[in-house]
Amino acid sequence: MARRLARVAAGLLLPALLLLAWQLAAHSGVYTRAQLPPPADVWRALGDLAAHGDLGHHVAISVQRVLLGFAAGTAAGLLLGALVGLSGPARALLAPTVGALRAVPSLAWVPLLLLWLGIGETPKLTLVAVGAFFPVYTTVSSALDHADRRLVELGHAYGRSGPALLAQVLLPAAAPAVLSGVRLGLAQSWLFLVAAELIASTMGLGYLLIDSQNTGRTDVLVLTIVLLALLGKASDAVLGLAEARVKLRWG
């Protein structure tokens, strides 16, 4: 317990120092209040948005988009990653093209998705799914490609082949690496969310970020950045607990 409390205290030390530096910088006279609002202004902006009920709706919409897009992208990454990792011909056929697409910046997809999918929820979810797909695909394909061949032979000896071999032998063995890729995919989902909410959006944290910039509400802009950081960290922490359990079981 003492060790855990010490780790928590150490983890809170840098945020506390950053908060202190922020407060000092805001009152140093180097920046105007419009350029760098003090923490108290951001806290008041949080209270105002929460009191009007807007903040909860923005957060809920963004979380929903991240979860749905992340689930779709992770599922596609697992399936294609497994195919490329286990099949030499599939790897030769698909890996170069997928690797090239991975280098495309997130904002480059926005105009194409608008043309193909319109301005509803579908292009936003698709862009978040794209963000989740590539880290999961890369990790799964690499982990399965480098899987111990003795595991394959052992699985065959027990009558496992095809999907059964993948589900019962290979994926459990590669689970720690796969979960690391899933965590990267979740982080990418939050990064792609802001780009996704540039697509004719009227709700969500990405929209709130752009709207606060356009209206000169720097306090709301900073608040939105802080919320994105906190939500991203909270969701990563949940997956981190799952990863720790898997590593404890299979390590």
Protein backbone atom coordinates (compact mmCIF):
# COMPACT_ATOMS: atom_id res chain seq x y z
CA MET A 1 0.00 0.00 0.00
CA ALA A 2 2.79 2.43 0.92
CA ARG A 3 4.57 1.71 -2.36
CA ARG A 4 1.37 2.32 -4.32
CA LEU A 5 0.77 5.62 -2.53
CA ALA A 6 4.35 6.63 -3.26
CA ARG A 7 3.83 5.91 -6.97
CA VAL A 8 0.61 7.93 -7.00
CA ALA A 9 2.33 10.84 -5.25
CA ALA A 10 5.23 10.69 -7.72
CA GLY A 11 2.79 10.66 -10.63
CA LEU A 12 1.00 13.74 -9.29
CA LEU A 13 4.22 15.70 -8.69
CA LEU A 14 4.79 16.79 -12.31
CA PRO A 15 1.14 17.86 -12.89
CA ALA A 16 1.32 19.91 -9.71
CA LEU A 17 4.54 21.59 -10.87
CA LEU A 18 3.00 22.25 -14.30
CA LEU A 19 -0.06 23.79 -12.64
CA LEU A 20 2.19 26.02 -10.52
CA ALA A 21 4.21 27.05 -13.60
CA TRP A 22 0.97 27.79 -15.45
CA GLN A 23 -0.25 30.01 -12.59
CA LEU A 24 3.05 31.87 -12.42
CA ALA A 25 3.22 32.34 -16.20
CA ALA A 26 -0.35 33.63 -16.34
CA HIS A 27 0.43 36.32 -13.75
CA SER A 28 3.91 37.16 -14.97
CA GLY A 29 2.77 39.82 -17.42
CA VAL A 30 4.42 38.05 -20.35
CA TYR A 31 1.06 36.84 -21.65
CA THR A 32 -2.29 38.57 -21.70
CA ARG A 33 -5.32 36.94 -20.14
CA ALA A 34 -6.61 36.20 -23.65
CA GLN A 35 -3.39 34.39 -24.52
CA LEU A 36 -2.99 32.40 -21.32
CA PRO A 37 -5.91 32.43 -18.88
CA PRO A 38 -5.00 31.49 -15.29
CA PRO A 39 -6.22 28.17 -13.88
CA ALA A 40 -9.03 29.95 -12.00
CA ASP A 41 -10.53 31.20 -15.28
CA VAL A 42 -10.45 27.70 -16.74
CA TRP A 43 -12.08 26.34 -13.60
CA ARG A 44 -14.86 28.94 -13.91
CA ALA A 45 -15.34 27.98 -17.57
CA LEU A 46 -15.74 24.37 -16.44
CA GLY A 47 -18.40 25.42 -13.94
CA ASP A 48 -20.28 27.56 -16.48
CA LEU A 49 -20.37 24.81 -19.14
CA ALA A 50 -21.36 22.20 -16.58
CA ALA A 51 -24.13 24.43 -15.18
CA HIS A 52 -25.64 24.90 -18.65
CA GLY A 53 -25.45 21.15 -19.33
CA ASP A 54 -23.31 21.65 -22.45
CA LEU A 55 -20.12 20.08 -21.17
CA GLY A 56 -21.59 16.69 -20.32
CA HIS A 57 -23.15 16.44 -23.76
CA HIS A 58 -19.90 17.35 -25.52
CA VAL A 59 -17.97 14.79 -23.46
CA ALA A 60 -20.58 12.07 -23.97
CA ILE A 61 -20.64 12.57 -27.74
CA SER A 62 -16.84 12.43 -28.01
CA VAL A 63 -16.54 9.37 -25.77
CA GLN A 64 -19.22 7.60 -27.81
CA ARG A 65 -17.41 8.38 -31.05
CA VAL A 66 -14.10 7.17 -29.66
CA LEU A 67 -15.53 3.94 -28.29
CA LEU A 68 -17.45 3.03 -31.45
CA GLY A 69 -14.62 3.96 -33.81
CA PHE A 70 -12.03 2.27 -31.59
CA ALA A 71 -14.07 -0.94 -31.45
CA ALA A 72 -14.46 -1.04 -35.25
CA GLY A 73 -10.82 -0.19 -35.92
CA THR A 74 -9.55 -2.70 -33.36
CA ALA A 75 -11.70 -5.50 -34.78
CA ALA A 76 -10.46 -4.77 -38.32
CA GLY A 77 -6.86 -4.52 -37.09
CA LEU A 78 -7.11 -7.86 -35.29
CA LEU A 79 -8.59 -9.64 -38.31
CA LEU A 80 -6.24 -8.24 -40.94
CA GLY A 81 -3.24 -8.38 -38.61
CA ALA A 82 -3.93 -12.05 -37.92
CA LEU A 83 -4.24 -12.78 -41.64
CA VAL A 84 -0.99 -10.99 -42.51
CA GLY A 85 0.86 -12.41 -39.51
CA LEU A 86 -0.07 -16.02 -40.23
CA SER A 87 -0.05 -16.12 -44.02
CA GLY A 88 3.06 -15.50 -46.10
CA PRO A 89 1.13 -14.86 -49.33
CA ALA A 90 -1.24 -12.44 -47.55
CA ARG A 91 1.75 -10.63 -46.05
CA ALA A 92 3.43 -10.27 -49.45
CA LEU A 93 0.19 -9.03 -51.01
CA LEU A 94 -1.16 -6.70 -48.32
CA ALA A 95 1.67 -5.51 -46.06
CA PRO A 96 3.33 -3.02 -48.48
CA THR A 97 0.05 -1.28 -49.33
CA VAL A 98 -1.17 -1.13 -45.73
CA GLY A 99 2.23 0.19 -44.68
CA ALA A 100 1.96 2.99 -47.24
CA LEU A 101 -1.57 3.92 -46.12
CA ARG A 102 -0.37 4.08 -42.51
CA ALA A 103 1.85 7.05 -43.43
CA VAL A 104 -1.12 9.18 -44.58
CA PRO A 105 -1.77 12.02 -42.05
CA SER A 106 -5.16 12.00 -40.33
CA LEU A 107 -6.32 15.32 -41.82
CA ALA A 108 -5.64 14.04 -45.33
CA TRP A 109 -8.53 11.60 -44.95
CA VAL A 110 -11.07 14.30 -44.05
CA PRO A 111 -11.96 15.66 -47.54
CA LEU A 112 -12.11 12.16 -49.02
CA LEU A 113 -14.42 10.89 -46.27
CA LEU A 114 -16.64 13.94 -46.77
CA LEU A 115 -16.95 13.12 -50.47
CA TRP A 116 -17.62 9.44 -49.89
CA LEU A 117 -19.70 9.40 -46.71
CA GLY A 118 -21.33 12.82 -46.39
CA ILE A 119 -21.38 14.91 -43.21
CA GLY A 120 -23.14 12.61 -40.73
CA GLU A 121 -21.67 10.43 -38.02
CA THR A 122 -20.29 7.80 -40.40
CA PRO A 123 -17.19 9.75 -41.58
CA LYS A 124 -16.34 10.73 -38.00
CA LEU A 125 -16.52 7.15 -36.76
CA THR A 126 -14.61 5.96 -39.81
CA LEU A 127 -11.75 8.39 -39.16
CA VAL A 128 -11.50 7.33 -35.52
CA ALA A 129 -11.52 3.69 -36.67
CA VAL A 130 -8.67 4.45 -39.08
CA GLY A 131 -6.68 5.84 -36.16
CA ALA A 132 -7.23 2.70 -34.10
CA PHE A 133 -6.67 0.26 -36.96
CA PHE A 134 -3.03 0.80 -37.83
CA PRO A 135 -1.38 0.33 -34.38
CA VAL A 136 -3.47 -2.79 -33.74
CA TYR A 137 -2.82 -4.21 -37.20
CA THR A 138 0.93 -3.57 -36.97
CA THR A 139 1.28 -5.08 -33.50
CA VAL A 140 -0.82 -8.16 -34.19
CA SER A 141 0.79 -8.96 -37.54
CA SER A 142 4.29 -8.55 -36.10
CA ALA A 143 3.53 -10.57 -32.95
CA LEU A 144 2.03 -13.49 -34.90
CA ASP A 145 4.73 -13.38 -37.57
CA HIS A 146 7.35 -13.82 -34.82
CA ALA A 147 5.37 -16.36 -32.80
CA ASP A 148 7.28 -19.41 -31.56
CA ARG A 149 6.79 -22.10 -34.19
CA ARG A 150 6.89 -24.72 -31.46
CA LEU A 151 3.55 -23.37 -30.27
CA VAL A 152 2.12 -24.03 -33.72
CA GLU A 153 3.44 -27.58 -33.66
CA LEU A 154 2.05 -28.09 -30.16
CA GLY A 155 -1.33 -26.79 -31.26
CA HIS A 156 -1.35 -29.14 -34.26
CA ALA A 157 -0.44 -32.02 -31.97
CA TYR A 158 -3.58 -31.30 -29.93
CA GLY A 159 -5.75 -31.09 -33.03
CA ARG A 160 -5.89 -27.31 -33.28
CA SER A 161 -5.80 -25.62 -36.69
CA GLY A 162 -7.18 -22.54 -38.43
CA PRO A 163 -9.32 -20.26 -36.23
CA ALA A 164 -9.06 -22.64 -33.26
CA LEU A 165 -5.25 -22.52 -33.39
CA LEU A 166 -5.35 -18.72 -33.59
CA ALA A 167 -7.88 -18.24 -30.78
CA GLN A 168 -6.64 -20.89 -28.35
CA VAL A 169 -2.87 -20.93 -28.90
CA LEU A 170 -1.40 -18.02 -30.83
CA LEU A 171 -3.42 -15.05 -29.59
CA PRO A 172 -3.03 -15.98 -25.89
CA ALA A 173 0.73 -16.30 -26.42
CA ALA A 174 0.85 -12.93 -28.16
CA ALA A 175 -1.68 -11.29 -25.81
CA PRO A 176 0.74 -8.91 -24.00
CA ALA A 177 2.05 -7.51 -27.30
CA VAL A 178 -1.46 -7.35 -28.76
CA LEU A 179 -2.78 -5.41 -25.76
CA SER A 180 0.10 -2.94 -26.09
CA GLY A 181 -1.03 -2.38 -29.67
CA VAL A 182 -4.61 -1.95 -28.53
CA ARG A 183 -3.50 0.73 -26.07
CA LEU A 184 -1.67 2.52 -28.87
CA GLY A 185 -4.82 2.22 -30.98
CA LEU A 186 -6.88 3.84 -28.24
CA ALA A 187 -4.39 6.71 -27.97
CA GLN A 188 -4.56 7.18 -31.74
CA SER A 189 -8.36 7.17 -31.56
CA TRP A 190 -8.31 10.20 -29.27
CA LEU A 191 -5.81 11.92 -31.56
CA PHE A 192 -7.96 11.28 -34.62
CA LEU A 193 -11.10 12.39 -32.77
CA VAL A 194 -10.26 16.09 -33.09
CA ALA A 195 -9.75 15.70 -36.84
CA ALA A 196 -12.98 13.70 -37.03
CA GLU A 197 -14.96 16.42 -35.26
CA LEU A 198 -13.80 18.97 -37.81
CA ILE A 199 -16.19 17.27 -40.24
CA ALA A 200 -19.27 19.50 -40.06
CA SER A 201 -19.68 18.75 -36.36
CA THR A 202 -21.80 20.73 -33.93
CA MET A 203 -21.06 18.67 -30.81
CA GLY A 204 -18.05 17.03 -29.19
CA LEU A 205 -14.78 18.14 -27.66
CA GLY A 206 -13.14 18.63 -31.04
CA TYR A 207 -15.95 20.98 -32.06
CA LEU A 208 -15.67 22.78 -28.71
CA LEU A 209 -11.94 23.20 -29.30
CA ILE A 210 -12.41 24.80 -32.72
CA ASP A 211 -15.43 26.87 -31.63
CA SER A 212 -13.56 28.30 -28.63
CA GLN A 213 -10.70 29.27 -30.93
CA ASN A 214 -13.07 31.05 -33.32
CA THR A 215 -14.87 32.90 -30.51
CA GLY A 216 -11.71 33.87 -28.62
CA ARG A 217 -12.61 31.81 -25.53
CA THR A 218 -9.08 30.74 -24.61
CA ASP A 219 -10.31 29.54 -21.21
CA VAL A 220 -12.65 27.05 -22.90
CA LEU A 221 -9.91 26.08 -25.37
CA VAL A 222 -7.49 25.24 -22.55
CA LEU A 223 -10.26 23.45 -20.66
CA THR A 224 -10.96 21.29 -23.71
CA ILE A 225 -7.29 20.34 -24.02
CA VAL A 226 -7.19 19.39 -20.33
CA LEU A 227 -10.37 17.30 -20.71
CA LEU A 228 -8.97 15.47 -23.74
CA ALA A 229 -5.80 14.70 -21.77
CA LEU A 230 -7.74 13.44 -18.74
CA LEU A 231 -10.14 11.30 -20.79
CA GLY A 232 -7.29 9.83 -22.80
CA LYS A 233 -5.35 9.02 -19.65
CA ALA A 234 -8.39 7.50 -17.91
CA SER A 235 -9.22 5.23 -20.85
CA ASP A 236 -5.56 4.21 -21.17
CA ALA A 237 -5.46 3.39 -17.46
CA VAL A 238 -8.40 1.01 -17.85
CA LEU A 239 -6.64 -0.83 -20.67
CA GLY A 240 -3.43 -0.74 -18.65
CA LEU A 241 -5.12 -2.70 -15.87
CA ALA A 242 -6.27 -5.30 -18.41
CA GLU A 243 -2.76 -5.49 -19.87
CA ALA A 244 -1.25 -6.00 -16.41
CA ARG A 245 -3.67 -8.84 -15.70
CA VAL A 246 -2.85 -10.54 -19.00
CA LYS A 247 0.89 -10.20 -18.45
CA LEU A 248 0.50 -11.61 -14.94
CA ARG A 249 -1.46 -14.58 -16.29
CA TRP A 250 0.68 -15.29 -19.35
CA GLY A 251 4.01 -13.89 -18.26
